[in-house]
Structures are given as structure tokens and as C-alpha cells.
């Protein structure tokens, strides 16, 4: 069966270091102007923009039951 030779292959030290870094990232996180802006952009700005676009175009197009030559926009 496969999987009985744990640790026999050589592991890449760079991958081990990267894995440890991502595992312990919360220990070394620091709020800076850049991280605050990125967090604001992804948590508030992007959803607000998508919500605004969705609200303004809600019901504007109807793709069901249209035939060739019919208008897609409702208003």
C-alpha cells in the first residue's frame, strides 16, 4: 500500500519555511497604513461598489423568453 514511507524523501527547506510562515502569520501581523487600506478596500469598498452596481441595474435586463429581435432592456 502507498503511504508507508513517511519522511524518507528529502523535503525542500524553502517550502518548510514558507509553511511555517503561513502557519504563524497571525503572530507577526502588524496594522500599518497599507494593511488598513487593503482591509478597508476588501471589506467595505469592493462590496459597496458591487452592491451599488447591483442595485442600479436590478431588473433592467430580462433574458428569459426573449426572441431574436426583442429588446433585452426593460426600461
PDB file of N, CA and C in Angstrom:
ATOM      1  N   UNK A   1       0.821  -1.174   0.000  1.00  0.00           N
ATOM      2  CA  UNK A   1       0.000   0.000   0.000  1.00  0.00           C
ATOM      3  C   UNK A   1       0.875   1.251   0.000  1.00  0.00           C
ATOM      4  N   UNK A   2       0.335   2.307  -0.512  1.00  0.00           N
ATOM      5  CA  UNK A   2       1.072   3.557  -0.587  1.00  0.00           C
ATOM      6  C   UNK A   2       1.001   4.305   0.742  1.00  0.00           C
ATOM      7  N   UNK A   3       2.013   5.115   1.001  1.00  0.00           N
ATOM      8  CA  UNK A   3       1.986   5.990   2.148  1.00  0.00           C
ATOM      9  C   UNK A   3       2.684   5.470   3.380  1.00  0.00           C
ATOM     10  N   UNK A   4       3.500   4.421   3.275  1.00  0.00           N
ATOM     11  CA  UNK A   4       4.178   3.878   4.453  1.00  0.00           C
ATOM     12  C   UNK A   4       5.575   4.440   4.650  1.00  0.00           C
ATOM     13  N   UNK A   5       6.093   5.194   3.700  1.00  0.00           N
ATOM     14  CA  UNK A   5       7.462   5.685   3.793  1.00  0.00           C
ATOM     15  C   UNK A   5       7.478   7.167   4.156  1.00  0.00           C
ATOM     16  N   UNK A   6       6.973   7.504   5.317  1.00  0.00           N
ATOM     17  CA  UNK A   6       6.913   8.897   5.734  1.00  0.00           C
ATOM     18  C   UNK A   6       8.305   9.393   6.098  1.00  0.00           C
ATOM     19  N   UNK A   7       8.703  10.543   5.542  1.00  0.00           N
ATOM     20  CA  UNK A   7       9.955  11.160   5.907  1.00  0.00           C
ATOM     21  C   UNK A   7      11.171  10.604   5.208  1.00  0.00           C
ATOM     22  N   UNK A   8      11.026   9.716   4.272  1.00  0.00           N
ATOM     23  CA  UNK A   8      12.184   9.161   3.587  1.00  0.00           C
ATOM     24  C   UNK A   8      12.662  10.049   2.444  1.00  0.00           C
ATOM     25  N   UNK A   9      11.785  10.863   1.911  1.00  0.00           N
ATOM     26  CA  UNK A   9      12.198  11.752   0.832  1.00  0.00           C
ATOM     27  C   UNK A   9      12.720  13.062   1.420  1.00  0.00           C
ATOM     28  N   UNK A  10      13.592  13.713   0.680  1.00  0.00           N
ATOM     29  CA  UNK A  10      14.163  14.977   1.130  1.00  0.00           C
ATOM     30  C   UNK A  10      13.140  16.086   0.954  1.00  0.00           C
ATOM     31  N   UNK A  11      12.901  16.868   2.012  1.00  0.00           N
ATOM     32  CA  UNK A  11      11.948  17.960   1.942  1.00  0.00           C
ATOM     33  C   UNK A  11      12.690  19.257   1.661  1.00  0.00           C
ATOM     34  N   UNK A  12      12.072  20.084   0.850  1.00  0.00           N
ATOM     35  CA  UNK A  12      12.681  21.349   0.462  1.00  0.00           C
ATOM     36  C   UNK A  12      12.635  22.333   1.628  1.00  0.00           C
ATOM     37  N   UNK A  13      13.767  22.885   2.052  1.00  0.00           N
ATOM     38  CA  UNK A  13      13.762  23.811   3.184  1.00  0.00           C
ATOM     39  C   UNK A  13      12.973  25.093   2.918  1.00  0.00           C
ATOM     40  N   UNK A  14      12.918  25.534   1.672  1.00  0.00           N
ATOM     41  CA  UNK A  14      12.161  26.743   1.355  1.00  0.00           C
ATOM     42  C   UNK A  14      10.663  26.503   1.544  1.00  0.00           C
ATOM     43  N   UNK A  15      10.186  25.331   1.180  1.00  0.00           N
ATOM     44  CA  UNK A  15       8.762  25.015   1.354  1.00  0.00           C
ATOM     45  C   UNK A  15       8.428  24.889   2.832  1.00  0.00           C
ATOM     46  N   UNK A  16       9.321  24.309   3.614  1.00  0.00           N
ATOM     47  CA  UNK A  16       9.100  24.186   5.051  1.00  0.00           C
ATOM     48  C   UNK A  16       9.066  25.576   5.692  1.00  0.00           C
ATOM     49  N   UNK A  17       9.964  26.461   5.285  1.00  0.00           N
ATOM     50  CA  UNK A  17       9.994  27.815   5.820  1.00  0.00           C
ATOM     51  C   UNK A  17       8.726  28.578   5.445  1.00  0.00           C
ATOM     52  N   UNK A  18       8.270  28.440   4.207  1.00  0.00           N
ATOM     53  CA  UNK A  18       7.047  29.099   3.764  1.00  0.00           C
ATOM     54  C   UNK A  18       5.840  28.571   4.529  1.00  0.00           C
ATOM     55  N   UNK A  19       5.791  27.265   4.766  1.00  0.00           N
ATOM     56  CA  UNK A  19       4.688  26.660   5.501  1.00  0.00           C
ATOM     57  C   UNK A  19       4.657  27.177   6.940  1.00  0.00           C
ATOM     58  N   UNK A  20       5.811  27.264   7.575  1.00  0.00           N
ATOM     59  CA  UNK A  20       5.869  27.799   8.938  1.00  0.00           C
ATOM     60  C   UNK A  20       5.465  29.274   8.974  1.00  0.00           C
ATOM     61  N   UNK A  21       5.842  30.022   7.949  1.00  0.00           N
ATOM     62  CA  UNK A  21       5.485  31.434   7.889  1.00  0.00           C
ATOM     63  C   UNK A  21       3.971  31.605   7.777  1.00  0.00           C
ATOM     64  N   UNK A  22       3.328  30.833   6.909  1.00  0.00           N
ATOM     65  CA  UNK A  22       1.887  30.970   6.748  1.00  0.00           C
ATOM     66  C   UNK A  22       1.129  30.447   7.959  1.00  0.00           C
ATOM     67  N   UNK A  23       1.676  29.463   8.635  1.00  0.00           N
ATOM     68  CA  UNK A  23       1.027  28.943   9.838  1.00  0.00           C
ATOM     69  C   UNK A  23       1.078  29.958  10.969  1.00  0.00           C
ATOM     70  N   UNK A  24       2.192  30.673  11.109  1.00  0.00           N
ATOM     71  CA  UNK A  24       2.385  31.606  12.213  1.00  0.00           C
ATOM     72  C   UNK A  24       2.187  33.065  11.805  1.00  0.00           C
ATOM     73  N   UNK A  25       1.478  33.310  10.734  1.00  0.00           N
ATOM     74  CA  UNK A  25       1.318  34.676  10.241  1.00  0.00           C
ATOM     75  C   UNK A  25       0.587  35.567  11.235  1.00  0.00           C
ATOM     76  N   UNK A  26      -0.358  35.021  11.952  1.00  0.00           N
ATOM     77  CA  UNK A  26      -1.128  35.833  12.897  1.00  0.00           C
ATOM     78  C   UNK A  26      -0.261  36.334  14.049  1.00  0.00           C
ATOM     79  N   UNK A  27       0.841  35.684  14.329  1.00  0.00           N
ATOM     80  CA  UNK A  27       1.713  36.113  15.422  1.00  0.00           C
ATOM     81  C   UNK A  27       2.515  37.356  15.052  1.00  0.00           C
ATOM     82  N   UNK A  28       2.766  37.552  13.776  1.00  0.00           N
ATOM     83  CA  UNK A  28       3.641  38.632  13.339  1.00  0.00           C
ATOM     84  C   UNK A  28       2.914  39.723  12.575  1.00  0.00           C
ATOM     85  N   UNK A  29       1.571  39.675  12.543  1.00  0.00           N
ATOM     86  CA  UNK A  29       0.812  40.685  11.807  1.00  0.00           C
ATOM     87  C   UNK A  29       0.848  42.013  12.556  1.00  0.00           C
ATOM     88  N   UNK A  30       0.984  43.088  11.813  1.00  0.00           N
ATOM     89  CA  UNK A  30       1.012  44.422  12.401  1.00  0.00           C
ATOM     90  C   UNK A  30       0.144  45.337  11.545  1.00  0.00           C
ATOM     91  N   UNK A  31      -0.716  46.120  12.211  1.00  0.00           N
ATOM     92  CA  UNK A  31      -1.533  47.077  11.483  1.00  0.00           C
ATOM     93  C   UNK A  31      -0.670  48.251  11.047  1.00  0.00           C
ATOM     94  N   UNK A  32      -0.622  48.471   9.752  1.00  0.00           N
ATOM     95  CA  UNK A  32       0.052  49.622   9.179  1.00  0.00           C
ATOM     96  C   UNK A  32      -0.949  50.349   8.294  1.00  0.00           C
ATOM     97  N   UNK A  33      -0.524  51.445   7.731  1.00  0.00           N
ATOM     98  CA  UNK A  33      -1.414  52.183   6.834  1.00  0.00           C
ATOM     99  C   UNK A  33      -1.791  51.328   5.621  1.00  0.00           C
ATOM    100  N   UNK A  34      -0.833  50.561   5.127  1.00  0.00           N
ATOM    101  CA  UNK A  34      -1.083  49.725   3.946  1.00  0.00           C
ATOM    102  C   UNK A  34      -2.058  48.588   4.255  1.00  0.00           C
ATOM    103  N   UNK A  35      -1.846  47.883   5.377  1.00  0.00           N
ATOM    104  CA  UNK A  35      -2.741  46.777   5.708  1.00  0.00           C
ATOM    105  C   UNK A  35      -4.136  47.284   6.069  1.00  0.00           C
ATOM    106  N   UNK A  36      -4.229  48.454   6.687  1.00  0.00           N
ATOM    107  CA  UNK A  36      -5.538  49.024   6.995  1.00  0.00           C
ATOM    108  C   UNK A  36      -6.280  49.383   5.709  1.00  0.00           C
ATOM    109  N   UNK A  37      -5.578  49.961   4.747  1.00  0.00           N
ATOM    110  CA  UNK A  37      -6.220  50.330   3.479  1.00  0.00           C
ATOM    111  C   UNK A  37      -6.664  49.092   2.706  1.00  0.00           C
ATOM    112  N   UNK A  38      -5.836  48.070   2.668  1.00  0.00           N
ATOM    113  CA  UNK A  38      -6.206  46.836   1.962  1.00  0.00           C
ATOM    114  C   UNK A  38      -7.416  46.187   2.631  1.00  0.00           C
ATOM    115  N   UNK A  39      -7.424  46.153   3.953  1.00  0.00           N
ATOM    116  CA  UNK A  39      -8.564  45.580   4.672  1.00  0.00           C
ATOM    117  C   UNK A  39      -9.832  46.387   4.413  1.00  0.00           C
ATOM    118  N   UNK A  40      -9.736  47.703   4.459  1.00  0.00           N
ATOM    119  CA  UNK A  40     -10.891  48.555   4.173  1.00  0.00           C
ATOM    120  C   UNK A  40     -11.400  48.329   2.754  1.00  0.00           C
ATOM    121  N   UNK A  41     -10.478  48.230   1.812  1.00  0.00           N
ATOM    122  CA  UNK A  41     -10.878  48.073   0.413  1.00  0.00           C
ATOM    123  C   UNK A  41     -11.614  46.761   0.183  1.00  0.00           C
ATOM    124  N   UNK A  42     -11.131  45.675   0.767  1.00  0.00           N
ATOM    125  CA  UNK A  42     -11.748  44.375   0.523  1.00  0.00           C
ATOM    126  C   UNK A  42     -12.967  44.122   1.393  1.00  0.00           C
ATOM    127  N   UNK A  43     -13.081  44.779   2.543  1.00  0.00           N
ATOM    128  CA  UNK A  43     -14.206  44.522   3.432  1.00  0.00           C
ATOM    129  C   UNK A  43     -15.353  45.499   3.193  1.00  0.00           C
ATOM    130  N   UNK A  44     -15.044  46.743   2.853  1.00  0.00           N
ATOM    131  CA  UNK A  44     -16.100  47.758   2.730  1.00  0.00           C
ATOM    132  C   UNK A  44     -16.226  48.293   1.306  1.00  0.00           C
ATOM    133  N   UNK A  45     -15.125  48.696   0.699  1.00  0.00           N
ATOM    134  CA  UNK A  45     -15.184  49.390  -0.580  1.00  0.00           C
ATOM    135  C   UNK A  45     -15.674  48.500  -1.729  1.00  0.00           C
ATOM    136  N   UNK A  46     -15.090  47.336  -1.894  1.00  0.00           N
ATOM    137  CA  UNK A  46     -15.473  46.452  -3.004  1.00  0.00           C
ATOM    138  C   UNK A  46     -16.919  45.971  -2.867  1.00  0.00           C
ATOM    139  N   UNK A  47     -17.370  45.489  -1.690  1.00  0.00           N
ATOM    140  CA  UNK A  47     -18.786  45.104  -1.591  1.00  0.00           C
ATOM    141  C   UNK A  47     -19.755  46.273  -1.791  1.00  0.00           C
ATOM    142  N   UNK A  48     -19.362  47.471  -1.348  1.00  0.00           N
ATOM    143  CA  UNK A  48     -20.226  48.627  -1.556  1.00  0.00           C
ATOM    144  C   UNK A  48     -20.354  48.958  -3.038  1.00  0.00           C
ATOM    145  N   UNK A  49     -19.255  48.892  -3.755  1.00  0.00           N
ATOM    146  CA  UNK A  49     -19.311  49.165  -5.198  1.00  0.00           C
ATOM    147  C   UNK A  49     -20.145  48.111  -5.920  1.00  0.00           C
ATOM    148  N   UNK A  50     -19.929  46.830  -5.588  1.00  0.00           N
ATOM    149  CA  UNK A  50     -20.719  45.772  -6.226  1.00  0.00           C
ATOM    150  C   UNK A  50     -22.200  45.896  -5.876  1.00  0.00           C
ATOM    151  N   UNK A  51     -22.500  46.244  -4.633  1.00  0.00           N
ATOM    152  CA  UNK A  51     -23.891  46.429  -4.228  1.00  0.00           C
ATOM    153  C   UNK A  51     -24.543  47.591  -4.934  1.00  0.00           C
ATOM    154  N   UNK A  52     -23.798  48.680  -5.125  1.00  0.00           N
ATOM    155  CA  UNK A  52     -24.334  49.838  -5.839  1.00  0.00           C
ATOM    156  C   UNK A  52     -24.651  49.492  -7.286  1.00  0.00           C
ATOM    157  N   UNK A  53     -23.736  48.802  -7.931  1.00  0.00           N
ATOM    158  CA  UNK A  53     -23.970  48.401  -9.328  1.00  0.00           C
ATOM    159  C   UNK A  53     -25.154  47.444  -9.412  1.00  0.00           C
ATOM    160  N   UNK A  54     -25.247  46.499  -8.485  1.00  0.00           N
ATOM    161  CA  UNK A  54     -26.367  45.551  -8.497  1.00  0.00           C
ATOM    162  C   UNK A  54     -27.694  46.260  -8.245  1.00  0.00           C
ATOM    163  N   UNK A  55     -27.691  47.234  -7.332  1.00  0.00           N
ATOM    164  CA  UNK A  55     -28.928  47.968  -7.031  1.00  0.00           C
ATOM    165  C   UNK A  55     -29.376  48.806  -8.212  1.00  0.00           C
ATOM    166  N   UNK A  56     -28.441  49.449  -8.901  1.00  0.00           N
ATOM    167  CA  UNK A  56     -28.803  50.316 -10.034  1.00  0.00           C
ATOM    168  C   UNK A  56     -29.261  49.522 -11.253  1.00  0.00           C
ATOM    169  N   UNK A  57     -28.787  48.286 -11.413  1.00  0.00           N
ATOM    170  CA  UNK A  57     -29.149  47.505 -12.594  1.00  0.00           C
ATOM    171  C   UNK A  57     -30.167  46.412 -12.286  1.00  0.00           C
ATOM    172  N   UNK A  58     -30.753  46.426 -11.090  1.00  0.00           N
ATOM    173  CA  UNK A  58     -31.717  45.399 -10.711  1.00  0.00           C
ATOM    174  C   UNK A  58     -32.969  45.504 -11.580  1.00  0.00           C
ATOM    175  N   UNK A  59     -33.287  44.438 -12.283  1.00  0.00           N
ATOM    176  CA  UNK A  59     -34.480  44.406 -13.116  1.00  0.00           C
ATOM    177  C   UNK A  59     -34.343  45.115 -14.440  1.00  0.00           C
ATOM    178  N   UNK A  60     -33.174  45.569 -14.790  1.00  0.00           N
ATOM    179  CA  UNK A  60     -33.002  46.311 -16.032  1.00  0.00           C
ATOM    180  C   UNK A  60     -33.000  45.384 -17.244  1.00  0.00           C
ATOM    181  N   UNK A  61     -32.434  44.214 -17.097  1.00  0.00           N
ATOM    182  CA  UNK A  61     -32.375  43.274 -18.204  1.00  0.00           C
ATOM    183  C   UNK A  61     -33.152  42.018 -17.867  1.00  0.00           C
ATOM    184  N   UNK A  62     -33.870  41.508 -18.865  1.00  0.00           N
ATOM    185  CA  UNK A  62     -34.624  40.278 -18.700  1.00  0.00           C
ATOM    186  C   UNK A  62     -34.260  39.361 -19.861  1.00  0.00           C
ATOM    187  N   UNK A  63     -33.576  38.278 -19.562  1.00  0.00           N
ATOM    188  CA  UNK A  63     -33.110  37.381 -20.613  1.00  0.00           C
ATOM    189  C   UNK A  63     -34.069  36.228 -20.855  1.00  0.00           C
ATOM    190  N   UNK A  64     -35.089  36.067 -20.045  1.00  0.00           N
ATOM    191  CA  UNK A  64     -35.998  34.936 -20.211  1.00  0.00           C
ATOM    192  C   UNK A  64     -37.065  35.238 -21.251  1.00  0.00           C
ATOM    193  N   UNK A  65     -37.322  34.295 -22.086  1.00  0.00           N
ATOM    194  CA  UNK A  65     -38.410  34.396 -23.039  1.00  0.00           C
ATOM    195  C   UNK A  65     -38.207  35.423 -24.133  1.00  0.00           C
ATOM    196  N   UNK A  66     -36.989  35.787 -24.411  1.00  0.00           N
ATOM    197  CA  UNK A  66     -36.736  36.759 -25.468  1.00  0.00           C
ATOM    198  C   UNK A  66     -36.490  36.018 -26.779  1.00  0.00           C
ATOM    199  N   UNK A  67     -36.959  36.610 -27.824  1.00  0.00           N
ATOM    200  CA  UNK A  67     -36.722  36.056 -29.149  1.00  0.00           C
ATOM    201  C   UNK A  67     -35.800  36.981 -29.912  1.00  0.00           C
ATOM    202  N   UNK A  68     -35.346  36.504 -31.049  1.00  0.00           N
ATOM    203  CA  UNK A  68     -34.454  37.312 -31.857  1.00  0.00           C
ATOM    204  C   UNK A  68     -35.160  38.596 -32.269  1.00  0.00           C
ATOM    205  N   UNK A  69     -34.499  39.699 -32.043  1.00  0.00           N
ATOM    206  CA  UNK A  69     -35.058  40.992 -32.397  1.00  0.00           C
ATOM    207  C   UNK A  69     -35.736  41.696 -31.233  1.00  0.00           C
ATOM    208  N   UNK A  70     -36.038  40.999 -30.126  1.00  0.00           N
ATOM    209  CA  UNK A  70     -36.648  41.638 -28.960  1.00  0.00           C
ATOM    210  C   UNK A  70     -35.599  42.426 -28.201  1.00  0.00           C
ATOM    211  N   UNK A  71     -36.047  43.447 -27.522  1.00  0.00           N
ATOM    212  CA  UNK A  71     -35.136  44.260 -26.709  1.00  0.00           C
ATOM    213  C   UNK A  71     -34.859  43.541 -25.391  1.00  0.00           C
ATOM    214  N   UNK A  72     -33.592  43.571 -24.964  1.00  0.00           N
ATOM    215  CA  UNK A  72     -33.205  42.955 -23.699  1.00  0.00           C
ATOM    216  C   UNK A  72     -33.527  43.878 -22.537  1.00  0.00           C
ATOM    217  N   UNK A  73     -33.321  45.166 -22.716  1.00  0.00           N
ATOM    218  CA  UNK A  73     -33.564  46.093 -21.609  1.00  0.00           C
ATOM    219  C   UNK A  73     -35.059  46.316 -21.431  1.00  0.00           C
ATOM    220  N   UNK A  74     -35.486  46.399 -20.188  1.00  0.00           N
ATOM    221  CA  UNK A  74     -36.890  46.563 -19.876  1.00  0.00           C
ATOM    222  C   UNK A  74     -37.289  48.031 -19.838  1.00  0.00           C
ATOM    223  N   UNK A  75     -36.357  48.932 -19.537  1.00  0.00           N
ATOM    224  CA  UNK A  75     -36.657  50.352 -19.476  1.00  0.00           C
ATOM    225  C   UNK A  75     -35.511  51.167 -19.964  1.00  0.00           C
TER     226      UNK A  75
END
